[in-house]
Structure formats: C-alpha cells, structure tokens
Amino acid sequence: ALPISQEKKEDEIQAIATMMEKQAQIVVKTREVSEEDKRRKAAVLAQYANITDEEDEEDDEKGAAATAGIPLEKSFFKNTNLEDVMNARKQEKDTLREEAQKKKEQDKLQREKDKLVKQERKEKEKKRTQKGERKR
C-alpha cells in the first residue's frame, strides 16, 4: 500500500485530469460570419497592416497627431480625443483663473467696505465720547 500523502497526490492528479477532460469536451459554437462582415474585417485589417516600421517612426516623430498609430493620411477620420481633452483642460484652467481673479477683486472691495465701516464706527464713537465730555 502507498503512504497516505502519496495517495492524496494521486487523487489530486486524477481529479485535475478528469476536470481537464471535461473542459476539453466543451465545444464552442462557431458563429456564422457573412461575406459582407468578412470583407469589412479584411478592409480594417488591411488598413492597419499597411503600417510599416518607417511609418511608425515618422508617427512617433509627429507626436500627438498620430496617437492612433495610423498615419493621418491613411485613416478615415482624425483622432481628436487628445485635442479635445487638452482644450477642455485649458478652458477649465482659464475658467478657474477668471473665477479666482473675480474673487480676489470682490475680496478687495469687501475689505475696503469693511475698512470704511470700521472708520465710520470709530468716528461715531469719538463723537459720542466728545458729547459725553461736553455734558460733564
């Protein structure tokens, strides 16, 4: 008889083998693809396959304009995602800058108003104390 640990290992190996057999029996249904879909797929793959190493290097030199990995003259549309994101960030920064400037101006005006109010209060207090001294 085999030692207990050896039996457990063999049982585990057997269990793994049966699971693998069951998985191998599972058949995946193949999807019917129409001729038009095949042509479309072939056209897209051909478009991407036309890129050579030299064109990739040129695109890298161009920078953000060719982020899709397709030379702009070969693509059907222009990738504007990066441009849109950069514009949105710039607009957001500009808006925040304008808001900060407005707040700064409002704070300045409020300080001036507070200063005037404080000065008027002091003057009133001064007049009151002067009247009080006169009455004595």
C-alpha atoms as a PDB file:
ATOM      1  CA  ALA A   1       0.000   0.000   0.000  1.00  0.00           C
ATOM      2  CA  LEU A   2       1.072   3.555  -0.704  1.00  0.00           C
ATOM      3  CA  PRO A   3       1.637   6.117   2.027  1.00  0.00           C
ATOM      4  CA  ILE A   4      -1.334   8.445   2.699  1.00  0.00           C
ATOM      5  CA  SER A   5       0.371  11.555   1.275  1.00  0.00           C
ATOM      6  CA  GLN A   6       1.180   9.690  -1.946  1.00  0.00           C
ATOM      7  CA  GLU A   7      -2.474   8.596  -2.269  1.00  0.00           C
ATOM      8  CA  LYS A   8      -3.688  12.192  -1.799  1.00  0.00           C
ATOM      9  CA  LYS A   9      -1.328  13.422  -4.522  1.00  0.00           C
ATOM     10  CA  GLU A  10      -2.545  10.741  -6.922  1.00  0.00           C
ATOM     11  CA  ASP A  11      -6.179  11.588  -6.116  1.00  0.00           C
ATOM     12  CA  GLU A  12      -5.497  15.267  -6.800  1.00  0.00           C
ATOM     13  CA  ILE A  13      -3.766  14.434 -10.078  1.00  0.00           C
ATOM     14  CA  GLN A  14      -6.712  12.216 -11.075  1.00  0.00           C
ATOM     15  CA  ALA A  15      -9.211  14.979 -10.188  1.00  0.00           C
ATOM     16  CA  ILE A  16      -7.256  17.519 -12.241  1.00  0.00           C
ATOM     17  CA  ALA A  17      -7.083  15.095 -15.173  1.00  0.00           C
ATOM     18  CA  THR A  18     -10.856  14.500 -15.119  1.00  0.00           C
ATOM     19  CA  MET A  19     -11.531  18.260 -14.957  1.00  0.00           C
ATOM     20  CA  MET A  20      -9.255  18.843 -17.939  1.00  0.00           C
ATOM     21  CA  GLU A  21     -11.032  16.100 -19.904  1.00  0.00           C
ATOM     22  CA  LYS A  22     -14.409  17.667 -19.141  1.00  0.00           C
ATOM     23  CA  GLN A  23     -13.151  21.066 -20.258  1.00  0.00           C
ATOM     24  CA  ALA A  24     -11.761  19.563 -23.465  1.00  0.00           C
ATOM     25  CA  GLN A  25     -15.218  18.117 -24.216  1.00  0.00           C
ATOM     26  CA  ILE A  26     -16.871  21.527 -24.062  1.00  0.00           C
ATOM     27  CA  VAL A  27     -17.445  22.636 -27.635  1.00  0.00           C
ATOM     28  CA  VAL A  28     -17.670  26.315 -28.515  1.00  0.00           C
ATOM     29  CA  LYS A  29     -20.250  27.126 -31.148  1.00  0.00           C
ATOM     30  CA  THR A  30     -18.778  28.775 -34.205  1.00  0.00           C
ATOM     31  CA  ARG A  31     -20.531  31.929 -35.248  1.00  0.00           C
ATOM     32  CA  GLU A  32     -21.701  32.267 -38.825  1.00  0.00           C
ATOM     33  CA  VAL A  33     -19.993  35.277 -40.438  1.00  0.00           C
ATOM     34  CA  SER A  34     -21.493  36.806 -43.539  1.00  0.00           C
ATOM     35  CA  GLU A  35     -19.412  37.653 -46.595  1.00  0.00           C
ATOM     36  CA  GLU A  36     -20.002  41.377 -46.027  1.00  0.00           C
ATOM     37  CA  ASP A  37     -18.673  41.124 -42.460  1.00  0.00           C
ATOM     38  CA  LYS A  38     -15.641  39.204 -43.734  1.00  0.00           C
ATOM     39  CA  ARG A  39     -14.956  41.936 -46.330  1.00  0.00           C
ATOM     40  CA  ARG A  40     -15.327  44.682 -43.723  1.00  0.00           C
ATOM     41  CA  LYS A  41     -12.979  42.908 -41.336  1.00  0.00           C
ATOM     42  CA  ALA A  42     -10.459  42.332 -44.127  1.00  0.00           C
ATOM     43  CA  ALA A  43     -10.575  46.027 -45.082  1.00  0.00           C
ATOM     44  CA  VAL A  44      -9.972  47.141 -41.497  1.00  0.00           C
ATOM     45  CA  LEU A  45      -7.133  44.656 -41.024  1.00  0.00           C
ATOM     46  CA  ALA A  46      -5.605  45.733 -44.336  1.00  0.00           C
ATOM     47  CA  GLN A  47      -5.756  49.357 -43.222  1.00  0.00           C
ATOM     48  CA  TYR A  48      -3.848  48.525 -40.025  1.00  0.00           C
ATOM     49  CA  ALA A  49      -1.476  46.144 -41.820  1.00  0.00           C
ATOM     50  CA  ASN A  50      -0.333  48.891 -44.222  1.00  0.00           C
ATOM     51  CA  ILE A  51       1.702  50.500 -41.460  1.00  0.00           C
ATOM     52  CA  THR A  52       5.389  49.780 -41.832  1.00  0.00           C
ATOM     53  CA  ASP A  53       8.195  50.319 -39.358  1.00  0.00           C
ATOM     54  CA  GLU A  54       9.298  53.505 -41.134  1.00  0.00           C
ATOM     55  CA  GLU A  55       5.793  54.967 -40.921  1.00  0.00           C
ATOM     56  CA  ASP A  56       5.655  54.101 -37.210  1.00  0.00           C
ATOM     57  CA  GLU A  57       8.893  56.004 -36.646  1.00  0.00           C
ATOM     58  CA  GLU A  58       7.541  59.004 -38.584  1.00  0.00           C
ATOM     59  CA  ASP A  59       4.384  58.930 -36.475  1.00  0.00           C
ATOM     60  CA  ASP A  60       6.460  58.878 -33.286  1.00  0.00           C
ATOM     61  CA  GLU A  61       8.242  61.982 -34.502  1.00  0.00           C
ATOM     62  CA  LYS A  62       4.924  63.690 -35.291  1.00  0.00           C
ATOM     63  CA  GLY A  63       3.835  63.154 -31.675  1.00  0.00           C
ATOM     64  CA  ALA A  64       0.243  63.553 -30.524  1.00  0.00           C
ATOM     65  CA  ALA A  65      -1.164  63.940 -34.033  1.00  0.00           C
ATOM     66  CA  ALA A  66      -0.691  60.230 -34.707  1.00  0.00           C
ATOM     67  CA  THR A  67      -1.688  58.728 -31.370  1.00  0.00           C
ATOM     68  CA  ALA A  68      -3.872  56.125 -33.074  1.00  0.00           C
ATOM     69  CA  GLY A  69      -0.814  54.510 -34.681  1.00  0.00           C
ATOM     70  CA  ILE A  70      -2.200  55.164 -38.156  1.00  0.00           C
ATOM     71  CA  PRO A  71      -0.753  57.880 -40.358  1.00  0.00           C
ATOM     72  CA  LEU A  72      -3.303  60.670 -40.627  1.00  0.00           C
ATOM     73  CA  GLU A  73      -3.403  60.496 -44.424  1.00  0.00           C
ATOM     74  CA  LYS A  74      -4.388  56.786 -44.272  1.00  0.00           C
ATOM     75  CA  SER A  75      -7.067  56.977 -41.620  1.00  0.00           C
ATOM     76  CA  PHE A  76     -10.728  57.596 -42.372  1.00  0.00           C
ATOM     77  CA  PHE A  77     -11.150  60.113 -39.568  1.00  0.00           C
ATOM     78  CA  LYS A  78      -8.978  62.328 -37.395  1.00  0.00           C
ATOM     79  CA  ASN A  79      -8.478  61.287 -33.766  1.00  0.00           C
ATOM     80  CA  THR A  80      -9.471  64.392 -31.833  1.00  0.00           C
ATOM     81  CA  ASN A  81      -9.626  62.871 -28.339  1.00  0.00           C
ATOM     82  CA  LEU A  82      -6.286  64.260 -27.182  1.00  0.00           C
ATOM     83  CA  GLU A  83      -7.039  67.653 -28.695  1.00  0.00           C
ATOM     84  CA  ASP A  84     -10.491  67.735 -27.036  1.00  0.00           C
ATOM     85  CA  VAL A  85      -9.073  66.774 -23.651  1.00  0.00           C
ATOM     86  CA  MET A  86      -6.318  69.391 -23.876  1.00  0.00           C
ATOM     87  CA  ASN A  87      -8.838  72.079 -24.894  1.00  0.00           C
ATOM     88  CA  ALA A  88     -11.171  71.103 -22.052  1.00  0.00           C
ATOM     89  CA  ARG A  89      -8.323  71.299 -19.528  1.00  0.00           C
ATOM     90  CA  LYS A  90      -7.200  74.669 -20.884  1.00  0.00           C
ATOM     91  CA  GLN A  91     -10.752  76.001 -20.750  1.00  0.00           C
ATOM     92  CA  GLU A  92     -11.176  74.703 -17.193  1.00  0.00           C
ATOM     93  CA  LYS A  93      -7.910  76.364 -16.121  1.00  0.00           C
ATOM     94  CA  ASP A  94      -8.961  79.636 -17.768  1.00  0.00           C
ATOM     95  CA  THR A  95     -12.349  79.499 -16.040  1.00  0.00           C
ATOM     96  CA  LEU A  96     -10.740  78.810 -12.668  1.00  0.00           C
ATOM     97  CA  ARG A  97      -8.252  81.627 -13.240  1.00  0.00           C
ATOM     98  CA  GLU A  98     -11.062  84.063 -14.096  1.00  0.00           C
ATOM     99  CA  GLU A  99     -13.080  82.968 -11.047  1.00  0.00           C
ATOM    100  CA  ALA A 100     -10.037  83.411  -8.814  1.00  0.00           C
ATOM    101  CA  GLN A 101      -9.472  86.904 -10.227  1.00  0.00           C
ATOM    102  CA  LYS A 102     -13.126  87.849  -9.647  1.00  0.00           C
ATOM    103  CA  LYS A 103     -12.967  86.521  -6.084  1.00  0.00           C
ATOM    104  CA  LYS A 104      -9.771  88.468  -5.472  1.00  0.00           C
ATOM    105  CA  GLU A 105     -11.425  91.678  -6.684  1.00  0.00           C
ATOM    106  CA  GLN A 106     -14.561  91.012  -4.599  1.00  0.00           C
ATOM    107  CA  ASP A 107     -12.434  90.345  -1.506  1.00  0.00           C
ATOM    108  CA  LYS A 108     -10.560  93.594  -2.115  1.00  0.00           C
ATOM    109  CA  LEU A 109     -13.815  95.563  -2.411  1.00  0.00           C
ATOM    110  CA  GLN A 110     -15.183  93.863   0.716  1.00  0.00           C
ATOM    111  CA  ARG A 111     -12.021  94.795   2.669  1.00  0.00           C
ATOM    112  CA  GLU A 112     -12.379  98.410   1.554  1.00  0.00           C
ATOM    113  CA  LYS A 113     -16.059  98.437   2.630  1.00  0.00           C
ATOM    114  CA  ASP A 114     -15.178  96.869   5.979  1.00  0.00           C
ATOM    115  CA  LYS A 115     -12.427  99.450   6.459  1.00  0.00           C
ATOM    116  CA  LEU A 116     -14.864 102.303   5.747  1.00  0.00           C
ATOM    117  CA  VAL A 117     -17.490 100.847   8.099  1.00  0.00           C
ATOM    118  CA  LYS A 118     -14.874 100.455  10.846  1.00  0.00           C
ATOM    119  CA  GLN A 119     -13.671 104.018  10.319  1.00  0.00           C
ATOM    120  CA  GLU A 120     -17.246 105.380  10.451  1.00  0.00           C
ATOM    121  CA  ARG A 121     -17.897 103.409  13.642  1.00  0.00           C
ATOM    122  CA  LYS A 122     -14.775 104.891  15.219  1.00  0.00           C
ATOM    123  CA  GLU A 123     -15.841 108.404  14.212  1.00  0.00           C
ATOM    124  CA  LYS A 124     -19.332 107.909  15.703  1.00  0.00           C
ATOM    125  CA  GLU A 125     -17.802 106.561  18.908  1.00  0.00           C
ATOM    126  CA  LYS A 126     -15.483 109.559  19.011  1.00  0.00           C
ATOM    127  CA  LYS A 127     -18.392 111.994  18.571  1.00  0.00           C
ATOM    128  CA  ARG A 128     -20.349 110.203  21.330  1.00  0.00           C
ATOM    129  CA  THR A 129     -17.468 110.432  23.758  1.00  0.00           C
ATOM    130  CA  GLN A 130     -16.943 114.118  22.890  1.00  0.00           C
ATOM    131  CA  LYS A 131     -20.652 114.842  23.524  1.00  0.00           C
ATOM    132  CA  GLY A 132     -20.411 112.962  26.830  1.00  0.00           C
ATOM    133  CA  GLU A 133     -17.411 115.015  27.887  1.00  0.00           C
ATOM    134  CA  ARG A 134     -19.184 118.301  26.958  1.00  0.00           C
ATOM    135  CA  LYS A 135     -22.198 117.413  29.104  1.00  0.00           C
ATOM    136  CA  ARG A 136     -19.998 116.974  32.161  1.00  0.00           C
END
